[in-house]
C-alpha cells in the first residue's frame, strides 16, 4: 500500500499573494436596493472580503485539518488525498464519505467525532465507524486529472480502489450532490463492495426514465419542479457544461470572484432566500472552503465535472442496484426532494426514508450531529 502521511502547509508567499489580490479588488457597480435578485449584494461581499483579508486565520484552520490523520495515495496515476480516522468501537464499520460541490473534504470533518466515538454523544459504541473522507480527484489536495473525459464513474473506480487499498473490501457509504452521483454509480458498478448507501441527495444520479414511462403525479410534479429550477437558477450549470474554461480565467485570478461564485451557492442552497448565512455557518467555515479552492487552484477542475458529465455513462434502463439505501431528506428546495417511487426506479431496496426537517444542501456542516445520528441508525440495521 503506497499511502503516505500528508501535512498541509501552504507557503507564506501564497498567503501574501491572496492578501495583495484582496487589497487590489476592483469592485463592480450595483443596482440600488437590489438585495439578492441580481446575485450577491455588494455590501455583503465587501464584508466577507474584509473578514478574509483582516481576520481569517488560515494557519489556525490548517492546524485543525492537520489534527486529523491526512494521507495521500497514488491510484491510477493520481495522488488522492484523504482523511482516515479509525473508530473506537469493538468492530468499527468502514465508511466512505465523499464531499459535494462547490465544497471540499473540510465540510465533512465535523461528522468524524460523532461517527468514530458515538458513545461520547449518547450513542451506542457498537455503531462506530472507520471514517474515510477523500478529496474527489480535481478537488482540494487530490491531483487534477490531466486528460479529457474524467467523470463521475472514473471517480467511483478510484474511490473503490482507495477503500480496497486500505483493507476495506466491503464498506458503507454516505454522500450528497457530486458525492451522491459518484456513489450512486459506484453502487451500480461495484455493488459487491457496498454494505449500504445513505444519502441526502436521493435524486443523484437520476434513474433512467423511458419516454413512454408512466409517472406518478408526484414524479411528474418533481420533474416539472426540477425543470423550473434549472430554468431559473441553473445558468451556472449550463455555462460549466458547455464552456467551463472561459469562466476559469476570472475564478482562477480573482479571490473575490471565486468567493462570490462559491458563496452564492452556499447562500441559495442553504435555506429560504431570506436566510442569514451566518446563522448556519461561521465566516471562518465558509472562507475555509473558498480558501481550499483558492490555494489548491482546483475550481476549474471541479467545474469540469459538469462538462465531462455529458460524456458519463449515466444509468440506463438496465441499471438497478439492490444495495440497501437509506434516505434522509433535508428541508431544502423541492428539486432536491424526489418522491420515493422515483428513487425506487434505480434503488428498489430502500430500507429507510425519513425527514430531517432541517438543514439544506450542505447539511453535514450545518447539522453534523443530527446527520451522523441518522447514518449510525441506518447502518445499525446492516451490521
Protein backbone atom coordinates (compact mmCIF):
# COMPACT_ATOMS: atom_id res chain seq x y z
CA UNK A 1 0.00 0.00 0.00
CA UNK A 2 1.53 3.32 -1.08
CA UNK A 3 -0.29 5.58 1.40
CA UNK A 4 1.85 8.42 2.72
CA UNK A 5 1.17 10.74 5.65
CA UNK A 6 0.36 14.21 4.38
CA UNK A 7 0.68 17.55 6.18
CA UNK A 8 -0.93 20.68 4.80
CA UNK A 9 1.45 23.65 4.79
CA UNK A 10 0.52 26.45 2.40
CA UNK A 11 3.52 28.59 1.54
CA UNK A 12 3.51 32.02 3.20
CA UNK A 13 4.01 33.54 -0.24
CA UNK A 14 0.59 32.20 -1.20
CA UNK A 15 -0.98 33.89 1.81
CA UNK A 16 0.76 37.17 0.96
CA UNK A 17 -0.41 36.89 -2.65
CA UNK A 18 -4.00 36.36 -1.52
CA UNK A 19 -3.87 39.44 0.68
CA UNK A 20 -2.46 41.58 -2.13
CA UNK A 21 -5.15 40.44 -4.52
CA UNK A 22 -7.85 41.18 -1.97
CA UNK A 23 -6.37 44.66 -1.46
CA UNK A 24 -6.46 45.29 -5.21
CA UNK A 25 -10.06 44.16 -5.73
CA UNK A 26 -11.89 46.31 -8.28
CA UNK A 27 -15.48 46.35 -7.10
CA UNK A 28 -18.41 46.41 -9.56
CA UNK A 29 -21.43 48.68 -9.52
CA UNK A 30 -24.81 47.53 -8.21
CA UNK A 31 -28.48 48.32 -8.71
CA UNK A 32 -29.61 50.22 -5.63
CA UNK A 33 -31.56 48.12 -3.10
CA UNK A 34 -31.32 45.06 -5.35
CA UNK A 35 -30.53 42.69 -2.46
CA UNK A 36 -30.08 39.11 -3.83
CA UNK A 37 -32.16 39.08 -7.01
CA UNK A 38 -29.16 40.07 -9.15
CA UNK A 39 -26.71 37.93 -7.18
CA UNK A 40 -24.62 38.56 -4.07
CA UNK A 41 -25.16 42.11 -2.73
CA UNK A 42 -22.12 44.36 -2.90
CA UNK A 43 -22.05 45.24 0.82
CA UNK A 44 -22.34 41.58 1.81
CA UNK A 45 -19.45 40.62 -0.44
CA UNK A 46 -17.32 43.51 0.79
CA UNK A 47 -17.90 42.37 4.37
CA UNK A 48 -16.82 38.81 3.54
CA UNK A 49 -13.74 40.04 1.69
CA UNK A 50 -12.80 42.30 4.61
CA UNK A 51 -13.05 39.37 7.02
CA UNK A 52 -10.98 37.20 4.69
CA UNK A 53 -8.29 39.87 4.48
CA UNK A 54 -8.19 41.13 8.07
CA UNK A 55 -9.47 38.41 10.41
CA UNK A 56 -9.38 34.99 8.76
CA UNK A 57 -6.53 32.88 10.18
CA UNK A 58 -5.51 30.22 7.68
CA UNK A 59 -2.84 28.81 9.98
CA UNK A 60 -5.48 28.11 12.62
CA UNK A 61 -7.58 26.27 10.04
CA UNK A 62 -4.51 24.44 8.76
CA UNK A 63 -3.71 23.24 12.28
CA UNK A 64 -7.25 21.93 12.68
CA UNK A 65 -7.08 19.97 9.44
CA UNK A 66 -3.66 18.60 10.35
CA UNK A 67 -5.00 17.43 13.71
CA UNK A 68 -6.69 14.64 11.73
CA UNK A 69 -4.68 11.86 10.05
CA UNK A 70 -4.24 13.05 6.45
CA UNK A 71 -2.76 10.85 3.75
CA UNK A 72 -2.12 10.65 0.04
CA UNK A 73 -2.17 7.54 -2.12
CA UNK A 74 -1.29 7.09 -5.79
CA UNK A 75 -4.20 5.49 -7.66
CA UNK A 76 -4.37 5.22 -11.46
CA UNK A 77 -1.61 7.79 -11.74
CA UNK A 78 -3.30 10.36 -9.50
CA UNK A 79 -2.32 11.33 -5.97
CA UNK A 80 -5.53 11.07 -3.93
CA UNK A 81 -5.80 12.95 -0.65
CA UNK A 82 -7.95 11.56 2.14
CA UNK A 83 -8.58 11.78 5.86
CA UNK A 84 -8.70 8.39 7.62
CA UNK A 85 -9.84 8.18 11.25
CA UNK A 86 -10.41 4.82 12.91
CA UNK A 87 -13.36 4.25 15.22
CA UNK A 88 -13.11 3.31 18.87
CA UNK A 89 -15.79 0.62 18.97
CA UNK A 90 -15.22 -3.13 19.11
CA UNK A 91 -15.77 -3.63 15.39
CA UNK A 92 -15.95 -0.30 13.52
CA UNK A 93 -17.61 -0.36 10.13
CA UNK A 94 -15.63 1.36 7.34
CA UNK A 95 -17.50 4.25 5.72
CA UNK A 96 -16.60 6.27 2.64
CA UNK A 97 -17.84 9.89 2.68
CA UNK A 98 -17.02 11.98 -0.42
CA UNK A 99 -17.94 15.67 -0.47
CA UNK A 100 -20.19 17.65 -2.78
CA UNK A 101 -19.88 20.80 -4.89
CA UNK A 102 -18.87 23.55 -4.50
CA UNK A 103 -17.38 22.09 -1.38
CA UNK A 104 -14.36 20.18 -0.11
CA UNK A 105 -13.42 17.42 2.31
CA UNK A 106 -13.38 20.09 5.05
CA UNK A 107 -17.17 20.16 5.13
CA UNK A 108 -17.27 16.55 6.33
CA UNK A 109 -14.76 16.81 9.19
CA UNK A 110 -17.40 17.70 11.78
CA UNK A 111 -19.01 14.29 11.26
CA UNK A 112 -15.91 12.46 12.43
CA UNK A 113 -16.25 12.53 16.25
CA UNK A 114 -19.92 11.52 16.12
CA UNK A 115 -19.15 8.56 13.84
CA UNK A 116 -15.91 7.35 15.41
CA UNK A 117 -16.98 7.84 19.05
CA UNK A 118 -20.80 7.76 19.12
CA UNK A 119 -20.84 6.79 22.81
CA UNK A 120 -19.46 10.22 23.74
CA UNK A 121 -22.66 11.75 22.41
CA UNK A 122 -25.19 9.32 23.85
CA UNK A 123 -24.89 6.73 21.09
CA UNK A 124 -24.01 3.06 21.00
CA UNK A 125 -20.25 2.30 20.86
CA UNK A 126 -21.06 -0.65 18.60
CA UNK A 127 -22.22 1.86 15.95
CA UNK A 128 -18.75 3.31 15.43
CA UNK A 129 -17.08 3.72 12.04
CA UNK A 130 -13.66 3.89 10.47
CA UNK A 131 -14.17 7.12 8.53
CA UNK A 132 -12.55 7.78 5.15
CA UNK A 133 -13.12 11.27 3.71
CA UNK A 134 -11.40 11.73 0.33
CA UNK A 135 -10.84 14.80 -1.76
CA UNK A 136 -12.52 13.85 -5.03
CA UNK A 137 -9.97 13.98 -7.90
CA UNK A 138 -9.78 17.54 -9.17
CA UNK A 139 -10.70 18.93 -5.75
CA UNK A 140 -8.70 20.01 -2.72
CA UNK A 141 -5.36 18.28 -2.31
CA UNK A 142 -6.04 15.45 -4.76
CA UNK A 143 -4.43 15.63 -8.18
CA UNK A 144 -6.20 17.24 -11.11
CA UNK A 145 -6.94 14.78 -13.94
CA UNK A 146 -4.89 15.99 -16.90
CA UNK A 147 -6.80 14.33 -19.73
CA UNK A 148 -10.33 14.89 -21.02
CA UNK A 149 -13.17 12.59 -20.11
CA UNK A 150 -12.56 12.16 -16.38
CA UNK A 151 -16.03 11.94 -14.88
CA UNK A 152 -18.13 10.53 -12.06
CA UNK A 153 -17.78 6.86 -12.97
CA UNK A 154 -13.98 7.11 -13.11
CA UNK A 155 -14.02 8.86 -9.75
CA UNK A 156 -16.06 5.94 -8.41
CA UNK A 157 -13.44 3.50 -9.74
CA UNK A 158 -10.72 5.37 -7.88
CA UNK A 159 -12.65 5.50 -4.60
CA UNK A 160 -13.30 1.75 -4.69
CA UNK A 161 -9.59 1.18 -5.23
CA UNK A 162 -8.80 3.53 -2.35
CA UNK A 163 -11.01 1.60 0.05
CA UNK A 164 -9.64 -1.74 -1.10
CA UNK A 165 -6.08 -0.50 -0.66
CA UNK A 166 -6.98 0.49 2.89
CA UNK A 167 -8.10 -3.08 3.52
CA UNK A 168 -11.84 -2.49 3.21
CA UNK A 169 -13.28 -4.88 0.65
CA UNK A 170 -16.82 -4.02 1.81
CA UNK A 171 -17.75 -0.63 3.18
CA UNK A 172 -20.60 1.71 3.99
CA UNK A 173 -21.14 4.93 2.03
CA UNK A 174 -22.74 8.31 2.60
CA UNK A 175 -22.94 11.16 0.12
CA UNK A 176 -24.82 14.05 -1.40
CA UNK A 177 -24.62 16.15 -4.58
CA UNK A 178 -21.47 15.24 -6.58
CA UNK A 179 -20.58 12.68 -3.94
CA UNK A 180 -24.03 11.12 -4.35
CA UNK A 181 -23.66 10.97 -8.13
CA UNK A 182 -20.34 9.18 -7.71
CA UNK A 183 -21.63 6.82 -5.03
CA UNK A 184 -24.82 6.05 -6.93
CA UNK A 185 -22.75 4.92 -9.91
CA UNK A 186 -20.42 3.06 -7.56
CA UNK A 187 -23.44 1.14 -6.24
CA UNK A 188 -24.34 0.20 -9.81
CA UNK A 189 -20.84 -0.82 -10.87
CA UNK A 190 -19.49 -2.32 -7.62
CA UNK A 191 -22.48 -3.48 -5.52
CA UNK A 192 -20.46 -6.37 -4.11
CA UNK A 193 -18.26 -3.87 -2.25
CA UNK A 194 -21.05 -1.78 -0.71
CA UNK A 195 -22.64 -2.65 2.63
CA UNK A 196 -25.21 0.09 2.23
CA UNK A 197 -25.67 3.61 0.93
CA UNK A 198 -27.02 6.59 2.89
CA UNK A 199 -27.77 9.86 1.15
CA UNK A 200 -29.40 13.27 1.45
CA UNK A 201 -29.44 13.58 -2.36
CA UNK A 202 -31.52 10.60 -3.50
CA UNK A 203 -32.10 12.17 -6.91
CA UNK A 204 -28.40 11.95 -7.79
CA UNK A 205 -27.83 10.31 -10.18
CA UNK A 206 -31.22 10.35 -11.85
CA UNK A 207 -32.72 6.97 -12.73
CA UNK A 208 -33.45 6.10 -16.33
CA UNK A 209 -36.90 7.31 -17.39
CA UNK A 210 -38.18 5.88 -20.67
CA UNK A 211 -40.11 8.22 -22.97
CA UNK A 212 -43.22 6.09 -22.58
CA UNK A 213 -42.81 5.61 -18.82
CA UNK A 214 -45.92 6.04 -16.71
CA UNK A 215 -45.08 8.57 -13.99
CA UNK A 216 -46.92 9.10 -10.76
CA UNK A 217 -48.35 12.55 -10.07
CA UNK A 218 -45.60 13.11 -7.50
CA UNK A 219 -42.91 12.15 -10.00
CA UNK A 220 -44.30 14.46 -12.67
CA UNK A 221 -44.54 17.30 -10.19
CA UNK A 222 -40.97 16.69 -9.11
CA UNK A 223 -39.62 16.64 -12.68
CA UNK A 224 -41.56 19.82 -13.50
CA UNK A 225 -40.04 21.43 -10.41
CA UNK A 226 -36.52 20.40 -11.49
CA UNK A 227 -37.09 21.87 -14.93
CA UNK A 228 -38.36 25.13 -13.50
CA UNK A 229 -35.46 25.33 -11.06
CA UNK A 230 -32.94 24.75 -13.85
CA UNK A 231 -34.55 27.45 -15.99
CA UNK A 232 -34.44 29.96 -13.13
CA UNK A 233 -31.25 29.01 -11.25
CA UNK A 234 -29.24 26.67 -13.47
CA UNK A 235 -27.37 29.17 -15.61
CA UNK A 236 -24.10 28.29 -13.90
CA UNK A 237 -24.58 24.62 -14.78
CA UNK A 238 -25.23 25.43 -18.43
CA UNK A 239 -22.06 27.54 -18.63
CA UNK A 240 -19.95 24.90 -16.87
CA UNK A 241 -21.45 22.17 -19.01
CA UNK A 242 -20.56 23.97 -22.24
CA UNK A 243 -17.60 26.36 -21.80
CA UNK A 244 -16.04 25.94 -18.33
CA UNK A 245 -12.60 27.12 -19.42
CA UNK A 246 -13.84 30.62 -20.25
CA UNK A 247 -15.15 31.18 -16.74
CA UNK A 248 -11.96 29.72 -15.26
CA UNK A 249 -9.81 32.75 -16.02
CA UNK A 250 -11.75 35.02 -13.68
CA UNK A 251 -12.28 32.40 -10.97
CA UNK A 252 -8.61 31.42 -11.02
CA UNK A 253 -7.33 35.00 -10.94
CA UNK A 254 -9.67 36.84 -8.57
CA UNK A 255 -10.19 35.62 -4.99
CA UNK A 256 -13.28 37.81 -4.60
CA UNK A 257 -14.65 36.47 -7.88
CA UNK A 258 -14.06 32.91 -6.68
CA UNK A 259 -15.62 33.62 -3.28
CA UNK A 260 -18.71 35.21 -4.85
CA UNK A 261 -19.17 32.26 -7.20
CA UNK A 262 -18.98 29.71 -4.35
CA UNK A 263 -20.74 31.63 -1.59
CA UNK A 264 -23.76 32.38 -3.77
CA UNK A 265 -24.40 28.62 -3.89
CA UNK A 266 -23.96 28.24 -0.14
CA UNK A 267 -26.48 31.05 0.40
CA UNK A 268 -29.10 29.93 -2.11
CA UNK A 269 -28.88 26.23 -1.29
CA UNK A 270 -28.86 26.52 2.50
CA UNK A 271 -32.43 27.60 3.07
CA UNK A 272 -35.04 30.21 2.17
CA UNK A 273 -33.71 33.15 0.20
CA UNK A 274 -34.16 35.31 3.30
CA UNK A 275 -31.70 33.17 5.25
CA UNK A 276 -28.88 34.77 7.19
CA UNK A 277 -26.00 32.53 6.16
CA UNK A 278 -24.06 33.23 9.36
CA UNK A 279 -26.88 31.67 11.39
CA UNK A 280 -25.90 28.39 9.75
CA UNK A 281 -22.14 28.64 9.12
CA UNK A 282 -19.37 30.78 10.53
CA UNK A 283 -17.42 33.11 8.28
CA UNK A 284 -14.36 31.04 9.10
CA UNK A 285 -16.01 27.85 7.86
CA UNK A 286 -17.33 29.48 4.67
CA UNK A 287 -14.00 31.04 3.79
CA UNK A 288 -12.05 27.91 4.65
CA UNK A 289 -13.95 26.15 1.88
CA UNK A 290 -13.21 29.04 -0.52
CA UNK A 291 -9.57 29.17 0.57
CA UNK A 292 -9.09 25.48 -0.16
CA UNK A 293 -10.24 26.04 -3.73
CA UNK A 294 -8.02 29.12 -3.98
CA UNK A 295 -4.82 27.62 -2.59
CA UNK A 296 -5.15 24.30 -4.43
CA UNK A 297 -6.22 26.03 -7.67
CA UNK A 298 -8.91 23.42 -8.28
CA UNK A 299 -12.04 25.45 -9.10
CA UNK A 300 -11.62 24.88 -12.83
CA UNK A 301 -11.01 21.15 -12.38
CA UNK A 302 -14.03 20.93 -10.10
CA UNK A 303 -16.23 22.80 -12.57
CA UNK A 304 -15.17 20.50 -15.41
CA UNK A 305 -17.24 17.71 -13.87
CA UNK A 306 -20.26 19.50 -15.36
CA UNK A 307 -18.70 19.36 -18.83
CA UNK A 308 -17.45 15.80 -18.52
CA UNK A 309 -20.83 14.75 -17.16
CA UNK A 310 -22.12 14.99 -20.72
CA UNK A 311 -19.91 12.01 -21.52
CA UNK A 312 -20.62 9.99 -18.37
CA UNK A 313 -22.42 6.68 -18.86
CA UNK A 314 -25.43 7.56 -16.75
CA UNK A 315 -27.95 4.93 -15.62
CA UNK A 316 -29.90 3.27 -18.40
CA UNK A 317 -32.97 1.06 -18.32
CA UNK A 318 -31.00 -1.95 -17.07
CA UNK A 319 -29.20 -0.12 -14.25
CA UNK A 320 -30.81 -1.13 -10.98
CA UNK A 321 -28.92 -1.67 -7.72
CA UNK A 322 -30.09 -3.84 -4.86
CA UNK A 323 -27.68 -2.14 -2.45
CA UNK A 324 -29.61 -1.21 0.73
CA UNK A 325 -30.27 2.51 0.73
CA UNK A 326 -31.22 4.96 3.44
CA UNK A 327 -32.62 8.39 2.56
CA UNK A 328 -32.67 11.45 4.81
CA UNK A 329 -34.41 14.43 3.23
CA UNK A 330 -33.37 17.90 4.36
CA UNK A 331 -35.59 20.98 4.47
CA UNK A 332 -34.10 22.28 1.25
CA UNK A 333 -35.81 23.21 -2.03
CA UNK A 334 -38.24 20.81 -3.68
CA UNK A 335 -35.90 19.98 -6.58
CA UNK A 336 -33.68 18.08 -4.11
CA UNK A 337 -36.60 16.10 -2.69
CA UNK A 338 -37.69 13.42 -5.19
CA UNK A 339 -40.63 11.15 -4.32
CA UNK A 340 -39.85 7.66 -3.11
CA UNK A 341 -41.16 5.92 -6.24
CA UNK A 342 -38.74 7.97 -8.37
CA UNK A 343 -35.74 6.78 -6.34
CA UNK A 344 -37.01 3.21 -6.32
CA UNK A 345 -36.65 3.07 -10.11
CA UNK A 346 -32.91 2.64 -9.56
CA UNK A 347 -32.69 1.74 -5.87
CA UNK A 348 -35.64 -0.53 -5.04
CA UNK A 349 -34.11 -1.72 -1.76
CA UNK A 350 -34.93 1.37 0.30
CA UNK A 351 -34.66 0.42 3.97
CA UNK A 352 -35.06 3.87 5.48
CA UNK A 353 -36.83 7.04 4.29
CA UNK A 354 -37.07 9.89 6.74
CA UNK A 355 -37.31 13.64 7.13
CA UNK A 356 -34.59 15.61 8.88
CA UNK A 357 -36.95 18.63 8.95
CA UNK A 358 -33.93 20.91 8.98
CA UNK A 359 -30.76 21.65 7.07
CA UNK A 360 -30.04 22.40 3.46
CA UNK A 361 -27.71 21.25 0.73
CA UNK A 362 -24.62 21.44 2.97
CA UNK A 363 -26.23 19.67 5.91
CA UNK A 364 -23.03 17.87 7.01
CA UNK A 365 -21.55 21.22 8.01
CA UNK A 366 -24.87 22.67 9.16
CA UNK A 367 -26.20 19.79 11.28
CA UNK A 368 -23.32 17.28 11.68
CA UNK A 369 -24.58 15.62 14.86
CA UNK A 370 -28.08 15.04 13.52
CA UNK A 371 -26.78 13.67 10.22
CA UNK A 372 -24.28 11.40 11.98
CA UNK A 373 -27.07 10.03 14.19
CA UNK A 374 -29.11 9.18 11.08
CA UNK A 375 -26.10 7.49 9.49
CA UNK A 376 -25.48 5.44 12.64
CA UNK A 377 -29.14 4.49 12.90
CA UNK A 378 -29.36 3.33 9.28
CA UNK A 379 -26.22 1.21 9.32
CA UNK A 380 -27.09 -0.36 12.68
CA UNK A 381 -29.60 -2.37 10.65
CA UNK A 382 -26.80 -3.69 8.42
CA UNK A 383 -24.16 -4.69 10.95
